[in-house]
Amino acid sequence: MKRATNLLPLVDYQRIFQVAHGIIREVGKDTSKSCVFFSIAGAHLLNTHYGIGARPIVGAAFYKLDASDRVLAIADATQQFELSSREGFHCWVEADGWCLDFTSPLFPEMAKHSGYTGVRDRRMFQKPLSSMAEGLAALKSPGDFYLNSNMDLTRELLTKNIQRNDVKDLIGIAAHWYRKPPRKIESKMTIGNDLGRVMTLTLDAPQISGVW
């Protein structure tokens, strides 16, 4: 059987992004600064709904988004945006030799935070790790990427988040809400917390226009 071009079809990627976006936005977080949740949720859905062994990875990430001389660098500013720390990092998912960044449709907002204007494309980022550039200097064409993983920081941040009851609850909600395409998924989901607050989650994330 011929293998698909990507590990995850675009429509499935879009739906995972929508579910994570709908949850994190409703709980009052900035979606463009929530890479850890997007990655934990994405990895959990890949594991539970697809049987794909996926794991979140924390580190410094660098993406070439256009033909200019700019690069989207998500790292610690005090380290010249070259290394990661608790003060500056990114989180993505690795699975079966692939990198999936479930925050890539929010790259325009993430770039704007650092003064990098003009980025408008909302695309899926899913590439074989074997296609990663050897370093920053090798980022030449749009879609090129370089990831510098930090396993100590990965263990620290994932342990901290996974031990939180609220994060566990949100991941459980994501798994309950999600349906693999082409199955129909409810566009809204109502949940309540221990304080009696009722929230309505909505699948209204930005639409993805293509792939990197």
C-alpha atoms as a PDB file:
ATOM      1  CA  MET A   1       0.000   0.000   0.000  1.00  0.00           C
ATOM      2  CA  LYS A   2       1.379   3.393  -0.976  1.00  0.00           C
ATOM      3  CA  ARG A   3       2.116   5.627   1.998  1.00  0.00           C
ATOM      4  CA  ALA A   4       0.356   8.991   2.192  1.00  0.00           C
ATOM      5  CA  THR A   5       2.420  12.092   1.564  1.00  0.00           C
ATOM      6  CA  ASN A   6       2.008  13.196   5.176  1.00  0.00           C
ATOM      7  CA  LEU A   7       1.626  11.337   8.435  1.00  0.00           C
ATOM      8  CA  LEU A   8      -1.649  13.181   9.076  1.00  0.00           C
ATOM      9  CA  PRO A   9      -4.086  14.388   6.376  1.00  0.00           C
ATOM     10  CA  LEU A  10      -4.690  18.134   6.218  1.00  0.00           C
ATOM     11  CA  VAL A  11      -8.352  17.795   7.211  1.00  0.00           C
ATOM     12  CA  ASP A  12      -7.372  15.857  10.350  1.00  0.00           C
ATOM     13  CA  TYR A  13      -4.665  18.378  11.213  1.00  0.00           C
ATOM     14  CA  GLN A  14      -7.192  21.207  10.812  1.00  0.00           C
ATOM     15  CA  ARG A  15      -9.641  19.475  13.136  1.00  0.00           C
ATOM     16  CA  ILE A  16      -7.034  18.845  15.851  1.00  0.00           C
ATOM     17  CA  PHE A  17      -6.041  22.503  15.587  1.00  0.00           C
ATOM     18  CA  GLN A  18      -9.693  23.572  15.834  1.00  0.00           C
ATOM     19  CA  VAL A  19     -10.347  21.499  18.952  1.00  0.00           C
ATOM     20  CA  ALA A  20      -7.233  22.714  20.779  1.00  0.00           C
ATOM     21  CA  HIS A  21      -7.921  26.313  19.701  1.00  0.00           C
ATOM     22  CA  GLY A  22     -11.556  26.142  20.819  1.00  0.00           C
ATOM     23  CA  ILE A  23     -10.557  24.914  24.267  1.00  0.00           C
ATOM     24  CA  ILE A  24      -7.622  27.189  25.007  1.00  0.00           C
ATOM     25  CA  ARG A  25      -9.372  30.323  23.750  1.00  0.00           C
ATOM     26  CA  GLU A  26     -12.442  29.730  25.896  1.00  0.00           C
ATOM     27  CA  VAL A  27     -10.376  29.333  29.071  1.00  0.00           C
ATOM     28  CA  GLY A  28      -8.964  32.802  28.457  1.00  0.00           C
ATOM     29  CA  LYS A  29      -5.474  32.064  27.193  1.00  0.00           C
ATOM     30  CA  ASP A  30      -3.671  33.728  24.287  1.00  0.00           C
ATOM     31  CA  THR A  31      -3.807  31.030  21.612  1.00  0.00           C
ATOM     32  CA  SER A  32      -0.597  32.282  19.987  1.00  0.00           C
ATOM     33  CA  LYS A  33       1.278  31.779  23.271  1.00  0.00           C
ATOM     34  CA  SER A  34      -0.078  28.337  24.135  1.00  0.00           C
ATOM     35  CA  CYS A  35       2.259  26.019  22.238  1.00  0.00           C
ATOM     36  CA  VAL A  36       2.585  23.580  25.144  1.00  0.00           C
ATOM     37  CA  PHE A  37      -1.160  22.965  25.329  1.00  0.00           C
ATOM     38  CA  PHE A  38      -1.512  22.650  21.539  1.00  0.00           C
ATOM     39  CA  SER A  39       1.297  20.085  21.518  1.00  0.00           C
ATOM     40  CA  ILE A  40       0.121  18.095  24.541  1.00  0.00           C
ATOM     41  CA  ALA A  41      -3.411  17.984  23.124  1.00  0.00           C
ATOM     42  CA  GLY A  42      -2.192  17.171  19.618  1.00  0.00           C
ATOM     43  CA  ALA A  43       0.077  14.367  20.804  1.00  0.00           C
ATOM     44  CA  HIS A  44      -2.687  12.939  23.002  1.00  0.00           C
ATOM     45  CA  LEU A  45      -5.165  12.898  20.113  1.00  0.00           C
ATOM     46  CA  LEU A  46      -2.622  11.251  17.808  1.00  0.00           C
ATOM     47  CA  ASN A  47      -2.023   8.580  20.431  1.00  0.00           C
ATOM     48  CA  THR A  48      -5.635   7.925  21.408  1.00  0.00           C
ATOM     49  CA  HIS A  49      -7.480   8.387  18.101  1.00  0.00           C
ATOM     50  CA  TYR A  50      -4.832   7.277  15.586  1.00  0.00           C
ATOM     51  CA  GLY A  51      -2.581   4.894  17.494  1.00  0.00           C
ATOM     52  CA  ILE A  52       0.427   7.019  16.537  1.00  0.00           C
ATOM     53  CA  GLY A  53       3.191   7.241  19.112  1.00  0.00           C
ATOM     54  CA  ALA A  54       3.545  11.010  19.436  1.00  0.00           C
ATOM     55  CA  ARG A  55       5.271  13.174  22.026  1.00  0.00           C
ATOM     56  CA  PRO A  56       5.613  16.915  22.649  1.00  0.00           C
ATOM     57  CA  ILE A  57       9.137  18.323  22.423  1.00  0.00           C
ATOM     58  CA  VAL A  58      10.299  21.659  23.879  1.00  0.00           C
ATOM     59  CA  GLY A  59      13.193  23.698  22.567  1.00  0.00           C
ATOM     60  CA  ALA A  60      14.094  26.537  20.236  1.00  0.00           C
ATOM     61  CA  ALA A  61      12.370  26.616  16.850  1.00  0.00           C
ATOM     62  CA  PHE A  62      13.226  28.514  13.686  1.00  0.00           C
ATOM     63  CA  TYR A  63      10.970  28.779  10.637  1.00  0.00           C
ATOM     64  CA  LYS A  64      11.570  30.408   7.265  1.00  0.00           C
ATOM     65  CA  LEU A  65       8.188  31.839   6.293  1.00  0.00           C
ATOM     66  CA  ASP A  66       8.868  33.986   3.239  1.00  0.00           C
ATOM     67  CA  ALA A  67      11.519  35.052   0.747  1.00  0.00           C
ATOM     68  CA  SER A  68      12.828  37.899   2.915  1.00  0.00           C
ATOM     69  CA  ASP A  69      15.924  37.637   5.090  1.00  0.00           C
ATOM     70  CA  ARG A  70      13.735  37.208   8.190  1.00  0.00           C
ATOM     71  CA  VAL A  71      13.256  34.014  10.192  1.00  0.00           C
ATOM     72  CA  LEU A  72      10.607  33.351  12.834  1.00  0.00           C
ATOM     73  CA  ALA A  73      12.747  32.512  15.864  1.00  0.00           C
ATOM     74  CA  ILE A  74      10.930  31.187  18.923  1.00  0.00           C
ATOM     75  CA  ALA A  75      13.558  31.062  21.636  1.00  0.00           C
ATOM     76  CA  ASP A  76      15.034  32.971  24.579  1.00  0.00           C
ATOM     77  CA  ALA A  77      15.700  36.625  23.726  1.00  0.00           C
ATOM     78  CA  THR A  78      18.419  36.799  26.381  1.00  0.00           C
ATOM     79  CA  GLN A  79      20.237  34.024  24.508  1.00  0.00           C
ATOM     80  CA  GLN A  80      20.180  35.987  21.224  1.00  0.00           C
ATOM     81  CA  PHE A  81      17.188  33.857  20.129  1.00  0.00           C
ATOM     82  CA  GLU A  82      19.506  30.888  19.625  1.00  0.00           C
ATOM     83  CA  LEU A  83      18.702  28.715  22.654  1.00  0.00           C
ATOM     84  CA  SER A  84      15.647  27.852  24.731  1.00  0.00           C
ATOM     85  CA  SER A  85      14.912  28.336  28.417  1.00  0.00           C
ATOM     86  CA  ARG A  86      11.876  28.755  30.642  1.00  0.00           C
ATOM     87  CA  GLU A  87      11.905  32.407  29.536  1.00  0.00           C
ATOM     88  CA  GLY A  88      11.709  31.617  25.839  1.00  0.00           C
ATOM     89  CA  PHE A  89      10.864  28.352  24.097  1.00  0.00           C
ATOM     90  CA  HIS A  90       8.591  26.622  21.634  1.00  0.00           C
ATOM     91  CA  CYS A  91       6.823  23.271  21.728  1.00  0.00           C
ATOM     92  CA  TRP A  92       6.029  20.953  18.823  1.00  0.00           C
ATOM     93  CA  VAL A  93       5.104  17.286  18.301  1.00  0.00           C
ATOM     94  CA  GLU A  94       7.338  14.505  16.999  1.00  0.00           C
ATOM     95  CA  ALA A  95       5.883  11.219  15.756  1.00  0.00           C
ATOM     96  CA  ASP A  96       7.248   8.421  13.569  1.00  0.00           C
ATOM     97  CA  GLY A  97      10.043  10.619  12.242  1.00  0.00           C
ATOM     98  CA  TRP A  98       7.773  13.598  11.563  1.00  0.00           C
ATOM     99  CA  CYS A  99       7.486  17.053  13.077  1.00  0.00           C
ATOM    100  CA  LEU A 100       3.991  18.495  13.472  1.00  0.00           C
ATOM    101  CA  ASP A 101       3.507  22.010  14.780  1.00  0.00           C
ATOM    102  CA  PHE A 102      -0.139  22.491  15.699  1.00  0.00           C
ATOM    103  CA  THR A 103       0.422  26.223  16.253  1.00  0.00           C
ATOM    104  CA  SER A 104       1.617  26.933  12.708  1.00  0.00           C
ATOM    105  CA  PRO A 105      -1.752  28.399  11.596  1.00  0.00           C
ATOM    106  CA  LEU A 106      -1.044  31.065  14.232  1.00  0.00           C
ATOM    107  CA  PHE A 107       2.397  31.964  12.866  1.00  0.00           C
ATOM    108  CA  PRO A 108       1.070  35.392  11.714  1.00  0.00           C
ATOM    109  CA  GLU A 109       0.222  36.301  15.326  1.00  0.00           C
ATOM    110  CA  MET A 110       3.423  34.778  16.667  1.00  0.00           C
ATOM    111  CA  ALA A 111       5.524  36.683  14.145  1.00  0.00           C
ATOM    112  CA  LYS A 112       3.729  39.922  14.986  1.00  0.00           C
ATOM    113  CA  HIS A 113       4.698  39.542  18.658  1.00  0.00           C
ATOM    114  CA  SER A 114       8.344  39.835  17.616  1.00  0.00           C
ATOM    115  CA  GLY A 115       7.815  42.703  15.175  1.00  0.00           C
ATOM    116  CA  TYR A 116       7.922  40.427  12.139  1.00  0.00           C
ATOM    117  CA  THR A 117       5.056  41.828  10.067  1.00  0.00           C
ATOM    118  CA  GLY A 118       3.760  40.734   6.704  1.00  0.00           C
ATOM    119  CA  VAL A 119       3.239  37.050   7.559  1.00  0.00           C
ATOM    120  CA  ARG A 120      -0.326  36.220   6.554  1.00  0.00           C
ATOM    121  CA  ASP A 121      -0.425  32.590   5.458  1.00  0.00           C
ATOM    122  CA  ARG A 122      -2.118  30.131   7.796  1.00  0.00           C
ATOM    123  CA  ARG A 123      -0.659  26.786   6.831  1.00  0.00           C
ATOM    124  CA  MET A 124      -0.186  23.326   8.211  1.00  0.00           C
ATOM    125  CA  PHE A 125       3.368  22.578   9.292  1.00  0.00           C
ATOM    126  CA  GLN A 126       4.108  18.879   9.019  1.00  0.00           C
ATOM    127  CA  LYS A 127       7.474  17.714   7.718  1.00  0.00           C
ATOM    128  CA  PRO A 128       9.795  14.730   8.016  1.00  0.00           C
ATOM    129  CA  LEU A 129      12.509  15.396  10.571  1.00  0.00           C
ATOM    130  CA  SER A 130      14.960  14.177   7.942  1.00  0.00           C
ATOM    131  CA  SER A 131      14.205  17.333   5.921  1.00  0.00           C
ATOM    132  CA  MET A 132      15.250  19.666   8.748  1.00  0.00           C
ATOM    133  CA  ALA A 133      18.008  22.161   7.947  1.00  0.00           C
ATOM    134  CA  GLU A 134      21.405  21.559   9.538  1.00  0.00           C
ATOM    135  CA  GLY A 135      21.375  24.957  11.223  1.00  0.00           C
ATOM    136  CA  LEU A 136      20.154  28.540  11.078  1.00  0.00           C
ATOM    137  CA  ALA A 137      22.447  29.436   8.194  1.00  0.00           C
ATOM    138  CA  ALA A 138      20.812  26.749   6.064  1.00  0.00           C
ATOM    139  CA  LEU A 139      17.334  28.327   6.238  1.00  0.00           C
ATOM    140  CA  LYS A 140      17.006  29.582   2.673  1.00  0.00           C
ATOM    141  CA  SER A 141      13.523  28.896   1.300  1.00  0.00           C
ATOM    142  CA  PRO A 142      10.000  29.284   2.700  1.00  0.00           C
ATOM    143  CA  GLY A 143       9.143  26.147   4.648  1.00  0.00           C
ATOM    144  CA  ASP A 144      12.706  25.483   5.784  1.00  0.00           C
ATOM    145  CA  PHE A 145      12.997  24.820   9.505  1.00  0.00           C
ATOM    146  CA  TYR A 146      15.472  24.091  12.264  1.00  0.00           C
ATOM    147  CA  LEU A 147      14.581  22.701  15.695  1.00  0.00           C
ATOM    148  CA  ASN A 148      16.957  22.662  18.654  1.00  0.00           C
ATOM    149  CA  SER A 149      15.329  20.380  21.212  1.00  0.00           C
ATOM    150  CA  ASN A 150      15.956  20.809  24.926  1.00  0.00           C
ATOM    151  CA  MET A 151      15.147  17.522  26.641  1.00  0.00           C
ATOM    152  CA  ASP A 152      15.744  18.795  30.177  1.00  0.00           C
ATOM    153  CA  LEU A 153      13.284  21.634  29.591  1.00  0.00           C
ATOM    154  CA  THR A 154      10.891  19.216  27.879  1.00  0.00           C
ATOM    155  CA  ARG A 155      10.779  16.982  30.948  1.00  0.00           C
ATOM    156  CA  GLU A 156      10.408  19.949  33.291  1.00  0.00           C
ATOM    157  CA  LEU A 157       7.571  21.678  31.451  1.00  0.00           C
ATOM    158  CA  LEU A 158       5.656  18.547  30.499  1.00  0.00           C
ATOM    159  CA  THR A 159       5.827  17.153  34.023  1.00  0.00           C
ATOM    160  CA  LYS A 160       4.657  20.493  35.408  1.00  0.00           C
ATOM    161  CA  ASN A 161       1.705  20.685  33.009  1.00  0.00           C
ATOM    162  CA  ILE A 162       0.617  17.058  33.037  1.00  0.00           C
ATOM    163  CA  GLN A 163       0.461  17.059  36.844  1.00  0.00           C
ATOM    164  CA  ARG A 164      -2.021  19.943  36.827  1.00  0.00           C
ATOM    165  CA  ASN A 165      -5.616  18.813  37.245  1.00  0.00           C
ATOM    166  CA  ASP A 166      -6.946  21.589  35.018  1.00  0.00           C
ATOM    167  CA  VAL A 167      -4.653  20.538  32.163  1.00  0.00           C
ATOM    168  CA  LYS A 168      -5.669  16.892  32.618  1.00  0.00           C
ATOM    169  CA  ASP A 169      -9.314  17.938  32.427  1.00  0.00           C
ATOM    170  CA  LEU A 170      -8.777  19.958  29.249  1.00  0.00           C
ATOM    171  CA  ILE A 171      -6.904  17.120  27.549  1.00  0.00           C
ATOM    172  CA  GLY A 172      -9.758  14.785  28.472  1.00  0.00           C
ATOM    173  CA  ILE A 173     -12.240  17.242  26.988  1.00  0.00           C
ATOM    174  CA  ALA A 174     -10.222  17.371  23.764  1.00  0.00           C
ATOM    175  CA  ALA A 175     -10.245  13.575  23.471  1.00  0.00           C
ATOM    176  CA  HIS A 176     -14.007  13.443  24.160  1.00  0.00           C
ATOM    177  CA  TRP A 177     -14.874  16.221  21.691  1.00  0.00           C
ATOM    178  CA  TYR A 178     -12.637  15.072  18.849  1.00  0.00           C
ATOM    179  CA  ARG A 179     -13.916  12.924  15.985  1.00  0.00           C
ATOM    180  CA  LYS A 180     -11.741  11.625  13.175  1.00  0.00           C
ATOM    181  CA  PRO A 181     -12.788  12.891   9.759  1.00  0.00           C
ATOM    182  CA  PRO A 182     -14.988  12.111   7.914  1.00  0.00           C
ATOM    183  CA  ARG A 183     -17.065  11.572  11.070  1.00  0.00           C
ATOM    184  CA  LYS A 184     -19.138  14.583  12.035  1.00  0.00           C
ATOM    185  CA  ILE A 185     -17.976  16.614  15.009  1.00  0.00           C
ATOM    186  CA  GLU A 186     -20.180  18.889  17.074  1.00  0.00           C
ATOM    187  CA  SER A 187     -19.409  22.535  16.322  1.00  0.00           C
ATOM    188  CA  LYS A 188     -20.089  23.466  19.954  1.00  0.00           C
ATOM    189  CA  MET A 189     -19.542  21.719  23.264  1.00  0.00           C
ATOM    190  CA  THR A 190     -20.720  22.874  26.683  1.00  0.00           C
ATOM    191  CA  ILE A 191     -18.617  22.137  29.755  1.00  0.00           C
ATOM    192  CA  GLY A 192     -18.662  23.185  33.404  1.00  0.00           C
ATOM    193  CA  ASN A 193     -15.987  23.570  36.054  1.00  0.00           C
ATOM    194  CA  ASP A 194     -15.908  22.896  39.801  1.00  0.00           C
ATOM    195  CA  LEU A 195     -16.980  26.479  40.503  1.00  0.00           C
ATOM    196  CA  GLY A 196     -20.192  26.081  38.561  1.00  0.00           C
ATOM    197  CA  ARG A 197     -19.063  28.137  35.593  1.00  0.00           C
ATOM    198  CA  VAL A 198     -20.479  26.927  32.285  1.00  0.00           C
ATOM    199  CA  MET A 199     -18.464  27.463  29.121  1.00  0.00           C
ATOM    200  CA  THR A 200     -19.324  26.831  25.490  1.00  0.00           C
ATOM    201  CA  LEU A 201     -16.440  25.670  23.340  1.00  0.00           C
ATOM    202  CA  THR A 202     -16.686  26.492  19.639  1.00  0.00           C
ATOM    203  CA  LEU A 203     -14.896  25.238  16.535  1.00  0.00           C
ATOM    204  CA  ASP A 204     -14.224  28.650  15.036  1.00  0.00           C
ATOM    205  CA  ALA A 205     -10.449  28.622  14.614  1.00  0.00           C
ATOM    206  CA  PRO A 206      -8.949  30.312  11.542  1.00  0.00           C
ATOM    207  CA  GLN A 207      -9.093  28.195   8.401  1.00  0.00           C
ATOM    208  CA  ILE A 208      -5.854  26.773   7.069  1.00  0.00           C
ATOM    209  CA  SER A 209      -5.014  27.883   3.536  1.00  0.00           C
ATOM    210  CA  GLY A 210      -2.316  25.373   2.610  1.00  0.00           C
ATOM    211  CA  VAL A 211       0.821  23.578   3.746  1.00  0.00           C
ATOM    212  CA  TRP A 212       4.404  24.588   4.369  1.00  0.00           C
END
